[in-house]
Amino acid sequence: MKSLLTPVCIVCMLMTFAQDRKEFFDMSFHPNETSPYYYVLTTKKGTQWEQEAYYLSTLKMARRCTFKDESCSVPDGECISYDIDGHQKENGAYRDGRKEGVWLGYNENGYMVDSAVYVNGRLKGVRMEWYDNGMARDSMNFDGAGNGVQVSWYNDGSLASAGYWTQDTLKRGRWKYFYKDGTVKATEEYINGQVSVCNCYTDKGEAIDTALCREKEAKPAGSEKEWTRFLQKNLMQLVMNLASNGVKPGNYSVVIKFVVLEDGSLSEFSPLTRYGHGIEDEVIKVFRSAPKWEPGRLFGQPVKSYHTQPITFVIQEQ
């Protein structure tokens, strides 16, 4: 069986690069040597620093950005990111830590799904977002001072919502949401980016208790502790299975993306690591046997939601 690359082997391979700094980062790009997701190389180039991040499980590039400072806290110049399979995910540029110019986003098939223009870190002009099927999802128009208006659609082209923005990212004033047939689903009033009043309705136009209208995230049924105990219990069998299949000893941080459906069941499992040799398959088996979650709720009704779960385990020398 072909040997897997452990983090130690990866470091050995990449030592051939003449780099100023080598670090392990987690998914949030914070230093983490215990359960890393990226291997990050930082190089001094002229008056700037270039940072290249690689997915540990594939050695494919995840991000390349330039920064003004050695701590890489002030981006300045081009920044490009890629998904786990090497497809370009986003590209744009910064100036003195603020986004500047055209920023484009792509889906895993290479189709553009986001297009925006920034001036001194503020959105300006028309921003468009599209569904994977090519239908428009959002159309926004910003004045460059943080104020904007947005209209959104379902993936069949029917109106989904409309409202206003302030400071680019804070909703303001009245927002209206619709069912696909045009019936009002909800109205919200925002003050300083916070919901002050929310009213929601069934698809028959009947009012729903306002206490149920606020958004509620999906969560494990019972408690987070019970979910953690479930994962820990099943990890023991997972490690045994991998060890018996000849997987090389080492630390592994596997990340799984999944969906919590309206009935609370887990579905659509997708690995965000690519160690191979059955590692991701064994982790997904654990998720398939997981108990139902409490589904997310929006405007009084259960909704489909996406989640990401990292799992770190150690396979020891036998």
C-alpha atoms as a PDB file:
ATOM      1  CA  MET A   1       0.000   0.000   0.000  1.00  0.00           C
ATOM      2  CA  LYS A   2       1.250   3.455  -0.877  1.00  0.00           C
ATOM      3  CA  SER A   3       2.250   5.412   2.231  1.00  0.00           C
ATOM      4  CA  LEU A   4       0.301   8.493   3.275  1.00  0.00           C
ATOM      5  CA  LEU A   5       2.001  11.827   3.807  1.00  0.00           C
ATOM      6  CA  THR A   6       1.928  12.840   7.439  1.00  0.00           C
ATOM      7  CA  PRO A   7       2.504  16.490   8.481  1.00  0.00           C
ATOM      8  CA  VAL A   8       6.104  15.575   9.380  1.00  0.00           C
ATOM      9  CA  CYS A   9       6.742  14.202   5.868  1.00  0.00           C
ATOM     10  CA  ILE A  10       5.134  17.278   4.339  1.00  0.00           C
ATOM     11  CA  VAL A  11       7.474  19.554   6.249  1.00  0.00           C
ATOM     12  CA  CYS A  12      10.414  17.527   4.972  1.00  0.00           C
ATOM     13  CA  MET A  13       9.220  17.869   1.386  1.00  0.00           C
ATOM     14  CA  LEU A  14       8.646  21.587   1.617  1.00  0.00           C
ATOM     15  CA  MET A  15      11.941  22.351   3.347  1.00  0.00           C
ATOM     16  CA  THR A  16      13.427  22.560  -0.132  1.00  0.00           C
ATOM     17  CA  PHE A  17      11.695  25.935  -0.522  1.00  0.00           C
ATOM     18  CA  ALA A  18      13.812  28.872   0.651  1.00  0.00           C
ATOM     19  CA  GLN A  19      11.126  30.306   2.895  1.00  0.00           C
ATOM     20  CA  ASP A  20      11.312  32.752   5.795  1.00  0.00           C
ATOM     21  CA  ARG A  21       8.584  31.121   7.883  1.00  0.00           C
ATOM     22  CA  LYS A  22       6.767  27.773   7.915  1.00  0.00           C
ATOM     23  CA  GLU A  23       3.624  27.234  10.016  1.00  0.00           C
ATOM     24  CA  PHE A  24       0.602  25.012  10.464  1.00  0.00           C
ATOM     25  CA  PHE A  25      -2.805  26.789  10.423  1.00  0.00           C
ATOM     26  CA  ASP A  26      -6.363  25.658  11.155  1.00  0.00           C
ATOM     27  CA  MET A  27      -9.385  26.302   8.900  1.00  0.00           C
ATOM     28  CA  SER A  28      -9.689  29.867  10.241  1.00  0.00           C
ATOM     29  CA  PHE A  29      -6.064  30.612   9.298  1.00  0.00           C
ATOM     30  CA  HIS A  30      -4.956  30.699  12.913  1.00  0.00           C
ATOM     31  CA  PRO A  31      -1.704  28.968  13.972  1.00  0.00           C
ATOM     32  CA  ASN A  32      -2.512  25.430  15.102  1.00  0.00           C
ATOM     33  CA  GLU A  33      -0.031  22.557  15.257  1.00  0.00           C
ATOM     34  CA  THR A  34      -2.410  20.172  17.051  1.00  0.00           C
ATOM     35  CA  SER A  35      -5.126  19.890  14.405  1.00  0.00           C
ATOM     36  CA  PRO A  36      -3.866  21.783  11.335  1.00  0.00           C
ATOM     37  CA  TYR A  37      -5.679  22.126   8.036  1.00  0.00           C
ATOM     38  CA  TYR A  38      -3.145  24.203   6.093  1.00  0.00           C
ATOM     39  CA  TYR A  39       0.624  24.331   5.747  1.00  0.00           C
ATOM     40  CA  VAL A  40       1.596  28.004   5.329  1.00  0.00           C
ATOM     41  CA  LEU A  41       4.798  29.367   3.793  1.00  0.00           C
ATOM     42  CA  THR A  42       5.634  33.062   4.229  1.00  0.00           C
ATOM     43  CA  THR A  43       8.394  34.673   2.169  1.00  0.00           C
ATOM     44  CA  LYS A  44       9.887  38.166   2.197  1.00  0.00           C
ATOM     45  CA  LYS A  45       9.762  39.583  -1.324  1.00  0.00           C
ATOM     46  CA  GLY A  46      11.105  43.107  -1.659  1.00  0.00           C
ATOM     47  CA  THR A  47       9.151  45.319   0.711  1.00  0.00           C
ATOM     48  CA  GLN A  48       6.253  42.851   0.979  1.00  0.00           C
ATOM     49  CA  TRP A  49       5.576  39.362   2.282  1.00  0.00           C
ATOM     50  CA  GLU A  50       4.014  36.639   0.162  1.00  0.00           C
ATOM     51  CA  GLN A  51       2.020  33.950   1.937  1.00  0.00           C
ATOM     52  CA  GLU A  52       1.167  30.625   0.312  1.00  0.00           C
ATOM     53  CA  ALA A  53      -1.196  28.205   2.053  1.00  0.00           C
ATOM     54  CA  TYR A  54      -1.456  24.539   1.063  1.00  0.00           C
ATOM     55  CA  TYR A  55      -4.086  21.959   2.006  1.00  0.00           C
ATOM     56  CA  LEU A  56      -2.279  19.451   4.201  1.00  0.00           C
ATOM     57  CA  SER A  57      -4.224  16.480   2.852  1.00  0.00           C
ATOM     58  CA  THR A  58      -3.399  17.150  -0.821  1.00  0.00           C
ATOM     59  CA  LEU A  59      -0.461  19.606  -0.922  1.00  0.00           C
ATOM     60  CA  LYS A  60      -2.497  21.643  -3.410  1.00  0.00           C
ATOM     61  CA  MET A  61      -2.444  25.411  -3.010  1.00  0.00           C
ATOM     62  CA  ALA A  62      -5.349  26.860  -1.016  1.00  0.00           C
ATOM     63  CA  ARG A  63      -4.456  30.561  -1.079  1.00  0.00           C
ATOM     64  CA  ARG A  64      -1.757  32.963  -2.231  1.00  0.00           C
ATOM     65  CA  CYS A  65      -1.801  36.561  -0.973  1.00  0.00           C
ATOM     66  CA  THR A  66       0.654  39.422  -0.496  1.00  0.00           C
ATOM     67  CA  PHE A  67       0.887  41.534   2.657  1.00  0.00           C
ATOM     68  CA  LYS A  68       2.519  44.781   3.766  1.00  0.00           C
ATOM     69  CA  ASP A  69       3.668  43.455   7.137  1.00  0.00           C
ATOM     70  CA  GLU A  70       5.624  40.470   8.399  1.00  0.00           C
ATOM     71  CA  SER A  71       2.716  39.294  10.580  1.00  0.00           C
ATOM     72  CA  CYS A  72       0.548  39.167   7.427  1.00  0.00           C
ATOM     73  CA  SER A  73      -2.290  41.156   8.984  1.00  0.00           C
ATOM     74  CA  VAL A  74      -2.483  43.877   6.295  1.00  0.00           C
ATOM     75  CA  PRO A  75      -3.117  42.411   2.818  1.00  0.00           C
ATOM     76  CA  ASP A  76      -1.797  44.526  -0.035  1.00  0.00           C
ATOM     77  CA  GLY A  77      -1.890  43.231  -3.585  1.00  0.00           C
ATOM     78  CA  GLU A  78      -3.342  40.207  -5.338  1.00  0.00           C
ATOM     79  CA  CYS A  79      -5.108  37.471  -3.360  1.00  0.00           C
ATOM     80  CA  ILE A  80      -6.292  34.210  -4.966  1.00  0.00           C
ATOM     81  CA  SER A  81      -7.928  31.231  -3.244  1.00  0.00           C
ATOM     82  CA  TYR A  82      -8.603  27.672  -4.476  1.00  0.00           C
ATOM     83  CA  ASP A  83     -10.830  24.828  -3.344  1.00  0.00           C
ATOM     84  CA  ILE A  84      -9.569  21.438  -2.148  1.00  0.00           C
ATOM     85  CA  ASP A  85      -9.570  20.096  -5.727  1.00  0.00           C
ATOM     86  CA  GLY A  86      -7.479  22.962  -7.106  1.00  0.00           C
ATOM     87  CA  HIS A  87     -10.272  24.990  -8.731  1.00  0.00           C
ATOM     88  CA  GLN A  88     -10.031  28.751  -8.371  1.00  0.00           C
ATOM     89  CA  LYS A  89     -12.552  29.930  -5.781  1.00  0.00           C
ATOM     90  CA  GLU A  90     -12.006  33.697  -5.486  1.00  0.00           C
ATOM     91  CA  ASN A  91      -9.653  36.347  -6.787  1.00  0.00           C
ATOM     92  CA  GLY A  92      -9.182  40.052  -6.228  1.00  0.00           C
ATOM     93  CA  ALA A  93      -6.779  42.603  -4.780  1.00  0.00           C
ATOM     94  CA  TYR A  94      -6.225  44.651  -1.636  1.00  0.00           C
ATOM     95  CA  ARG A  95      -4.751  48.085  -1.079  1.00  0.00           C
ATOM     96  CA  ASP A  96      -3.558  48.896   2.442  1.00  0.00           C
ATOM     97  CA  GLY A  97      -5.760  46.183   3.934  1.00  0.00           C
ATOM     98  CA  ARG A  98      -8.916  47.108   2.018  1.00  0.00           C
ATOM     99  CA  LYS A  99     -10.438  45.395  -0.986  1.00  0.00           C
ATOM    100  CA  GLU A 100      -9.905  47.328  -4.190  1.00  0.00           C
ATOM    101  CA  GLY A 101     -11.189  46.802  -7.721  1.00  0.00           C
ATOM    102  CA  VAL A 102     -12.990  43.784  -9.173  1.00  0.00           C
ATOM    103  CA  TRP A 103     -13.500  40.670  -7.024  1.00  0.00           C
ATOM    104  CA  LEU A 104     -14.789  37.472  -8.623  1.00  0.00           C
ATOM    105  CA  GLY A 105     -16.023  34.218  -7.075  1.00  0.00           C
ATOM    106  CA  TYR A 106     -16.427  30.794  -8.731  1.00  0.00           C
ATOM    107  CA  ASN A 107     -18.157  27.511  -7.952  1.00  0.00           C
ATOM    108  CA  GLU A 108     -16.479  24.095  -8.053  1.00  0.00           C
ATOM    109  CA  ASN A 109     -17.298  23.757 -11.759  1.00  0.00           C
ATOM    110  CA  GLY A 110     -15.481  26.963 -12.628  1.00  0.00           C
ATOM    111  CA  TYR A 111     -18.600  29.066 -13.245  1.00  0.00           C
ATOM    112  CA  MET A 112     -18.668  32.625 -11.931  1.00  0.00           C
ATOM    113  CA  VAL A 113     -21.122  32.990  -9.039  1.00  0.00           C
ATOM    114  CA  ASP A 114     -20.116  36.380  -7.604  1.00  0.00           C
ATOM    115  CA  SER A 115     -18.951  39.653  -9.118  1.00  0.00           C
ATOM    116  CA  ALA A 116     -18.323  42.827  -7.122  1.00  0.00           C
ATOM    117  CA  VAL A 117     -16.358  46.080  -7.311  1.00  0.00           C
ATOM    118  CA  TYR A 118     -14.704  47.694  -4.281  1.00  0.00           C
ATOM    119  CA  VAL A 119     -13.362  51.215  -3.901  1.00  0.00           C
ATOM    120  CA  ASN A 120     -11.287  51.814  -0.776  1.00  0.00           C
ATOM    121  CA  GLY A 121     -12.857  48.757   0.866  1.00  0.00           C
ATOM    122  CA  ARG A 122     -16.446  49.733   0.086  1.00  0.00           C
ATOM    123  CA  LEU A 123     -18.791  48.090  -2.401  1.00  0.00           C
ATOM    124  CA  LYS A 124     -19.628  50.375  -5.323  1.00  0.00           C
ATOM    125  CA  GLY A 125     -21.916  49.885  -8.268  1.00  0.00           C
ATOM    126  CA  VAL A 126     -23.740  46.667  -9.143  1.00  0.00           C
ATOM    127  CA  ARG A 127     -22.856  43.422  -7.431  1.00  0.00           C
ATOM    128  CA  MET A 128     -24.293  40.200  -8.876  1.00  0.00           C
ATOM    129  CA  GLU A 129     -24.483  36.670  -7.499  1.00  0.00           C
ATOM    130  CA  TRP A 130     -25.695  33.613  -9.418  1.00  0.00           C
ATOM    131  CA  TYR A 131     -26.901  30.094  -8.637  1.00  0.00           C
ATOM    132  CA  ASP A 132     -24.966  27.129  -9.993  1.00  0.00           C
ATOM    133  CA  ASN A 133     -27.624  26.766 -12.706  1.00  0.00           C
ATOM    134  CA  GLY A 134     -26.795  30.259 -14.005  1.00  0.00           C
ATOM    135  CA  MET A 135     -29.925  31.981 -12.685  1.00  0.00           C
ATOM    136  CA  ALA A 136     -29.431  35.300 -10.883  1.00  0.00           C
ATOM    137  CA  ARG A 137     -29.578  34.971  -7.101  1.00  0.00           C
ATOM    138  CA  ASP A 138     -28.859  38.507  -5.888  1.00  0.00           C
ATOM    139  CA  SER A 139     -28.598  41.918  -7.503  1.00  0.00           C
ATOM    140  CA  MET A 140     -27.190  44.721  -5.337  1.00  0.00           C
ATOM    141  CA  ASN A 141     -26.345  48.328  -6.052  1.00  0.00           C
ATOM    142  CA  PHE A 142     -24.041  50.243  -3.674  1.00  0.00           C
ATOM    143  CA  ASP A 143     -23.050  53.914  -3.568  1.00  0.00           C
ATOM    144  CA  GLY A 144     -19.476  53.416  -2.324  1.00  0.00           C
ATOM    145  CA  ALA A 145     -20.345  54.875   1.092  1.00  0.00           C
ATOM    146  CA  GLY A 146     -21.844  51.677   2.517  1.00  0.00           C
ATOM    147  CA  ASN A 147     -25.429  52.182   1.373  1.00  0.00           C
ATOM    148  CA  GLY A 148     -27.068  49.709  -0.963  1.00  0.00           C
ATOM    149  CA  VAL A 149     -30.258  48.063  -2.156  1.00  0.00           C
ATOM    150  CA  GLN A 150     -30.715  44.351  -2.859  1.00  0.00           C
ATOM    151  CA  VAL A 151     -33.223  42.199  -4.727  1.00  0.00           C
ATOM    152  CA  SER A 152     -32.968  38.389  -4.503  1.00  0.00           C
ATOM    153  CA  TRP A 153     -34.599  35.535  -6.404  1.00  0.00           C
ATOM    154  CA  TYR A 154     -35.161  31.788  -6.036  1.00  0.00           C
ATOM    155  CA  ASN A 155     -33.298  29.568  -8.482  1.00  0.00           C
ATOM    156  CA  ASP A 156     -36.363  29.477 -10.753  1.00  0.00           C
ATOM    157  CA  GLY A 157     -36.392  33.275 -11.087  1.00  0.00           C
ATOM    158  CA  SER A 158     -39.275  34.054  -8.708  1.00  0.00           C
ATOM    159  CA  LEU A 159     -38.802  36.921  -6.251  1.00  0.00           C
ATOM    160  CA  ALA A 160     -37.337  35.914  -2.868  1.00  0.00           C
ATOM    161  CA  SER A 161     -36.586  39.148  -0.963  1.00  0.00           C
ATOM    162  CA  ALA A 162     -35.756  42.851  -1.146  1.00  0.00           C
ATOM    163  CA  GLY A 163     -34.282  45.420   1.214  1.00  0.00           C
ATOM    164  CA  TYR A 164     -31.547  47.928   2.044  1.00  0.00           C
ATOM    165  CA  TRP A 165     -27.969  47.811   3.393  1.00  0.00           C
ATOM    166  CA  THR A 166     -25.781  50.179   5.356  1.00  0.00           C
ATOM    167  CA  GLN A 167     -22.027  49.931   5.994  1.00  0.00           C
ATOM    168  CA  ASP A 168     -22.041  47.285   3.227  1.00  0.00           C
ATOM    169  CA  THR A 169     -22.941  44.447   5.609  1.00  0.00           C
ATOM    170  CA  LEU A 170     -25.710  45.700   7.937  1.00  0.00           C
ATOM    171  CA  LYS A 171     -29.373  45.495   6.965  1.00  0.00           C
ATOM    172  CA  ARG A 172     -31.433  48.648   7.523  1.00  0.00           C
ATOM    173  CA  GLY A 173     -35.062  49.662   7.334  1.00  0.00           C
ATOM    174  CA  ARG A 174     -37.703  47.250   6.066  1.00  0.00           C
ATOM    175  CA  TRP A 175     -36.905  43.923   4.425  1.00  0.00           C
ATOM    176  CA  LYS A 176     -39.585  41.818   2.757  1.00  0.00           C
ATOM    177  CA  TYR A 177     -39.456  38.096   1.993  1.00  0.00           C
ATOM    178  CA  PHE A 178     -41.721  36.103  -0.323  1.00  0.00           C
ATOM    179  CA  TYR A 179     -42.851  32.584  -1.109  1.00  0.00           C
ATOM    180  CA  LYS A 180     -42.315  31.473  -4.702  1.00  0.00           C
ATOM    181  CA  ASP A 181     -45.902  32.323  -5.587  1.00  0.00           C
ATOM    182  CA  GLY A 182     -45.417  35.932  -4.458  1.00  0.00           C
ATOM    183  CA  THR A 183     -47.187  35.587  -1.099  1.00  0.00           C
ATOM    184  CA  VAL A 184     -45.440  37.549   1.657  1.00  0.00           C
ATOM    185  CA  LYS A 185     -43.437  35.210   3.894  1.00  0.00           C
ATOM    186  CA  ALA A 186     -42.102  37.801   6.348  1.00  0.00           C
ATOM    187  CA  THR A 187     -41.258  41.429   7.011  1.00  0.00           C
ATOM    188  CA  GLU A 188     -38.405  42.657   9.185  1.00  0.00           C
ATOM    189  CA  GLU A 189     -37.523  46.108  10.512  1.00  0.00           C
ATOM    190  CA  TYR A 190     -33.824  46.779  11.142  1.00  0.00           C
ATOM    191  CA  ILE A 191     -32.215  49.456  13.326  1.00  0.00           C
ATOM    192  CA  ASN A 192     -28.402  49.650  13.396  1.00  0.00           C
ATOM    193  CA  GLY A 193     -28.203  46.227  11.789  1.00  0.00           C
ATOM    194  CA  GLN A 194     -30.398  44.574  14.422  1.00  0.00           C
ATOM    195  CA  VAL A 195     -33.934  43.237  13.946  1.00  0.00           C
ATOM    196  CA  SER A 196     -36.395  45.359  15.927  1.00  0.00           C
ATOM    197  CA  VAL A 197     -39.635  43.874  14.578  1.00  0.00           C
ATOM    198  CA  CYS A 198     -40.274  40.628  12.713  1.00  0.00           C
ATOM    199  CA  ASN A 199     -43.616  39.362  11.404  1.00  0.00           C
ATOM    200  CA  CYS A 200     -43.964  36.108   9.463  1.00  0.00           C
ATOM    201  CA  TYR A 201     -46.778  34.223   7.754  1.00  0.00           C
ATOM    202  CA  THR A 202     -47.695  30.805   6.412  1.00  0.00           C
ATOM    203  CA  ASP A 203     -48.038  30.301   2.669  1.00  0.00           C
ATOM    204  CA  LYS A 204     -51.791  30.812   3.247  1.00  0.00           C
ATOM    205  CA  GLY A 205     -51.186  34.288   4.646  1.00  0.00           C
ATOM    206  CA  GLU A 206     -51.855  33.300   8.273  1.00  0.00           C
ATOM    207  CA  ALA A 207     -49.762  35.094  10.912  1.00  0.00           C
ATOM    208  CA  ILE A 208     -47.204  33.017  12.847  1.00  0.00           C
ATOM    209  CA  ASP A 209     -46.311  33.742  16.467  1.00  0.00           C
ATOM    210  CA  THR A 210     -43.649  36.490  16.330  1.00  0.00           C
ATOM    211  CA  ALA A 211     -41.601  34.613  18.951  1.00  0.00           C
ATOM    212  CA  LEU A 212     -41.003  31.925  16.308  1.00  0.00           C
ATOM    213  CA  CYS A 213     -40.059  34.310  13.497  1.00  0.00           C
ATOM    214  CA  ARG A 214     -36.417  34.891  14.426  1.00  0.00           C
ATOM    215  CA  GLU A 215     -33.745  32.793  12.747  1.00  0.00           C
ATOM    216  CA  LYS A 216     -32.611  29.729  14.698  1.00  0.00           C
ATOM    217  CA  GLU A 217     -29.524  27.738  13.751  1.00  0.00           C
ATOM    218  CA  ALA A 218     -29.566  23.966  13.494  1.00  0.00           C
ATOM    219  CA  LYS A 219     -27.925  22.167  16.402  1.00  0.00           C
ATOM    220  CA  PRO A 220     -27.396  18.629  17.673  1.00  0.00           C
ATOM    221  CA  ALA A 221     -30.466  17.235  19.413  1.00  0.00           C
ATOM    222  CA  GLY A 222     -29.939  17.086  23.160  1.00  0.00           C
ATOM    223  CA  SER A 223     -26.730  19.052  23.609  1.00  0.00           C
ATOM    224  CA  GLU A 224     -23.312  19.770  22.143  1.00  0.00           C
ATOM    225  CA  LYS A 225     -21.817  17.484  24.803  1.00  0.00           C
ATOM    226  CA  GLU A 226     -23.944  14.564  23.593  1.00  0.00           C
ATOM    227  CA  TRP A 227     -22.829  15.219  20.004  1.00  0.00           C
ATOM    228  CA  THR A 228     -19.196  15.273  21.123  1.00  0.00           C
ATOM    229  CA  ARG A 229     -19.667  12.009  23.040  1.00  0.00           C
ATOM    230  CA  PHE A 230     -21.199  10.417  19.926  1.00  0.00           C
ATOM    231  CA  LEU A 231     -18.205  11.422  17.817  1.00  0.00           C
ATOM    232  CA  GLN A 232     -15.670  10.303  20.417  1.00  0.00           C
ATOM    233  CA  LYS A 233     -17.362   6.920  20.865  1.00  0.00           C
ATOM    234  CA  ASN A 234     -17.399   6.237  17.129  1.00  0.00           C
ATOM    235  CA  LEU A 235     -13.870   7.514  16.587  1.00  0.00           C
ATOM    236  CA  MET A 236     -12.525   4.544  18.531  1.00  0.00           C
ATOM    237  CA  GLN A 237     -13.975   2.117  15.976  1.00  0.00           C
ATOM    238  CA  LEU A 238     -12.963   4.409  13.109  1.00  0.00           C
ATOM    239  CA  VAL A 239      -9.310   4.411  14.209  1.00  0.00           C
ATOM    240  CA  MET A 240      -9.353   0.628  14.569  1.00  0.00           C
ATOM    241  CA  ASN A 241     -10.760   0.235  11.048  1.00  0.00           C
ATOM    242  CA  LEU A 242      -8.149   2.540   9.531  1.00  0.00           C
ATOM    243  CA  ALA A 243      -5.280   0.928  11.397  1.00  0.00           C
ATOM    244  CA  SER A 244      -6.393  -2.536  10.264  1.00  0.00           C
ATOM    245  CA  ASN A 245      -6.484  -1.243   6.666  1.00  0.00           C
ATOM    246  CA  GLY A 246      -2.822  -0.271   6.888  1.00  0.00           C
ATOM    247  CA  VAL A 247      -3.208   3.496   7.161  1.00  0.00           C
ATOM    248  CA  LYS A 248       0.095   4.981   8.261  1.00  0.00           C
ATOM    249  CA  PRO A 249       0.373   6.160  11.907  1.00  0.00           C
ATOM    250  CA  GLY A 250       0.066   9.915  12.434  1.00  0.00           C
ATOM    251  CA  ASN A 251      -2.261  12.807  13.252  1.00  0.00           C
ATOM    252  CA  TYR A 252      -5.199  13.384  10.909  1.00  0.00           C
ATOM    253  CA  SER A 253      -7.602  16.325  10.757  1.00  0.00           C
ATOM    254  CA  VAL A 254     -10.550  15.383   8.546  1.00  0.00           C
ATOM    255  CA  VAL A 255     -13.204  17.963   7.687  1.00  0.00           C
ATOM    256  CA  ILE A 256     -16.684  17.008   6.518  1.00  0.00           C
ATOM    257  CA  LYS A 257     -19.289  19.355   5.058  1.00  0.00           C
ATOM    258  CA  PHE A 258     -22.892  18.198   5.446  1.00  0.00           C
ATOM    259  CA  VAL A 259     -26.504  19.324   5.298  1.00  0.00           C
ATOM    260  CA  VAL A 260     -29.104  19.268   8.045  1.00  0.00           C
ATOM    261  CA  LEU A 261     -32.443  18.722   6.308  1.00  0.00           C
ATOM    262  CA  GLU A 262     -35.798  20.130   7.366  1.00  0.00           C
ATOM    263  CA  ASP A 263     -36.570  16.968   9.357  1.00  0.00           C
ATOM    264  CA  GLY A 264     -33.232  17.108  11.208  1.00  0.00           C
ATOM    265  CA  SER A 265     -31.554  14.244   9.355  1.00  0.00           C
ATOM    266  CA  LEU A 266     -27.982  14.633   8.105  1.00  0.00           C
ATOM    267  CA  SER A 267     -27.296  14.325   4.386  1.00  0.00           C
ATOM    268  CA  GLU A 268     -25.106  15.384   1.422  1.00  0.00           C
ATOM    269  CA  PHE A 269     -21.778  14.547   3.059  1.00  0.00           C
ATOM    270  CA  SER A 270     -18.747  16.016   1.311  1.00  0.00           C
ATOM    271  CA  PRO A 271     -15.116  15.732   2.521  1.00  0.00           C
ATOM    272  CA  LEU A 272     -13.046  18.925   2.564  1.00  0.00           C
ATOM    273  CA  THR A 273      -9.862  16.888   2.930  1.00  0.00           C
ATOM    274  CA  ARG A 274      -8.388  14.334   0.552  1.00  0.00           C
ATOM    275  CA  TYR A 275      -6.145  11.988   2.538  1.00  0.00           C
ATOM    276  CA  GLY A 276      -7.628   9.064   0.630  1.00  0.00           C
ATOM    277  CA  HIS A 277      -7.060   5.387   1.504  1.00  0.00           C
ATOM    278  CA  GLY A 278     -10.587   5.194   2.911  1.00  0.00           C
ATOM    279  CA  ILE A 279     -10.031   7.815   5.636  1.00  0.00           C
ATOM    280  CA  GLU A 280     -12.792  10.214   4.568  1.00  0.00           C
ATOM    281  CA  ASP A 281     -15.103   7.279   3.770  1.00  0.00           C
ATOM    282  CA  GLU A 282     -14.766   5.932   7.307  1.00  0.00           C
ATOM    283  CA  VAL A 283     -15.505   9.365   8.810  1.00  0.00           C
ATOM    284  CA  ILE A 284     -18.593   9.764   6.610  1.00  0.00           C
ATOM    285  CA  LYS A 285     -19.809   6.358   7.855  1.00  0.00           C
ATOM    286  CA  VAL A 286     -19.821   7.841  11.355  1.00  0.00           C
ATOM    287  CA  PHE A 287     -21.920  10.794  10.191  1.00  0.00           C
ATOM    288  CA  ARG A 288     -24.383   8.519   8.412  1.00  0.00           C
ATOM    289  CA  SER A 289     -25.127   6.799  11.721  1.00  0.00           C
ATOM    290  CA  ALA A 290     -25.524  10.083  13.605  1.00  0.00           C
ATOM    291  CA  PRO A 291     -28.762  10.917  15.441  1.00  0.00           C
ATOM    292  CA  LYS A 292     -30.968  13.650  14.008  1.00  0.00           C
ATOM    293  CA  TRP A 293     -30.322  17.296  14.793  1.00  0.00           C
ATOM    294  CA  GLU A 294     -32.785  20.030  15.606  1.00  0.00           C
ATOM    295  CA  PRO A 295     -33.227  21.659  12.176  1.00  0.00           C
ATOM    296  CA  GLY A 296     -32.599  25.325  11.587  1.00  0.00           C
ATOM    297  CA  ARG A 297     -35.679  27.507  11.478  1.00  0.00           C
ATOM    298  CA  LEU A 298     -36.409  30.710   9.583  1.00  0.00           C
ATOM    299  CA  PHE A 299     -39.641  32.662   9.817  1.00  0.00           C
ATOM    300  CA  GLY A 300     -41.239  29.928  11.887  1.00  0.00           C
ATOM    301  CA  GLN A 301     -40.442  27.076   9.497  1.00  0.00           C
ATOM    302  CA  PRO A 302     -37.673  24.433   9.360  1.00  0.00           C
ATOM    303  CA  VAL A 303     -35.050  25.063   6.671  1.00  0.00           C
ATOM    304  CA  LYS A 304     -32.151  23.205   5.090  1.00  0.00           C
ATOM    305  CA  SER A 305     -28.758  24.359   6.404  1.00  0.00           C
ATOM    306  CA  TYR A 306     -25.073  23.662   5.731  1.00  0.00           C
ATOM    307  CA  HIS A 307     -22.449  22.823   8.361  1.00  0.00           C
ATOM    308  CA  THR A 308     -18.769  21.930   8.576  1.00  0.00           C
ATOM    309  CA  GLN A 309     -17.321  19.557  11.170  1.00  0.00           C
ATOM    310  CA  PRO A 310     -13.597  18.943  11.715  1.00  0.00           C
ATOM    311  CA  ILE A 311     -12.554  15.657  13.338  1.00  0.00           C
ATOM    312  CA  THR A 312      -9.011  15.099  14.591  1.00  0.00           C
ATOM    313  CA  PHE A 313      -7.669  11.666  15.541  1.00  0.00           C
ATOM    314  CA  VAL A 314      -4.400   9.818  15.958  1.00  0.00           C
ATOM    315  CA  ILE A 315      -3.415   6.461  14.509  1.00  0.00           C
ATOM    316  CA  GLN A 316      -0.644   5.045  16.690  1.00  0.00           C
ATOM    317  CA  GLU A 317       2.148   2.676  15.836  1.00  0.00           C
ATOM    318  CA  GLN A 318       1.014  -0.914  16.420  1.00  0.00           C
END
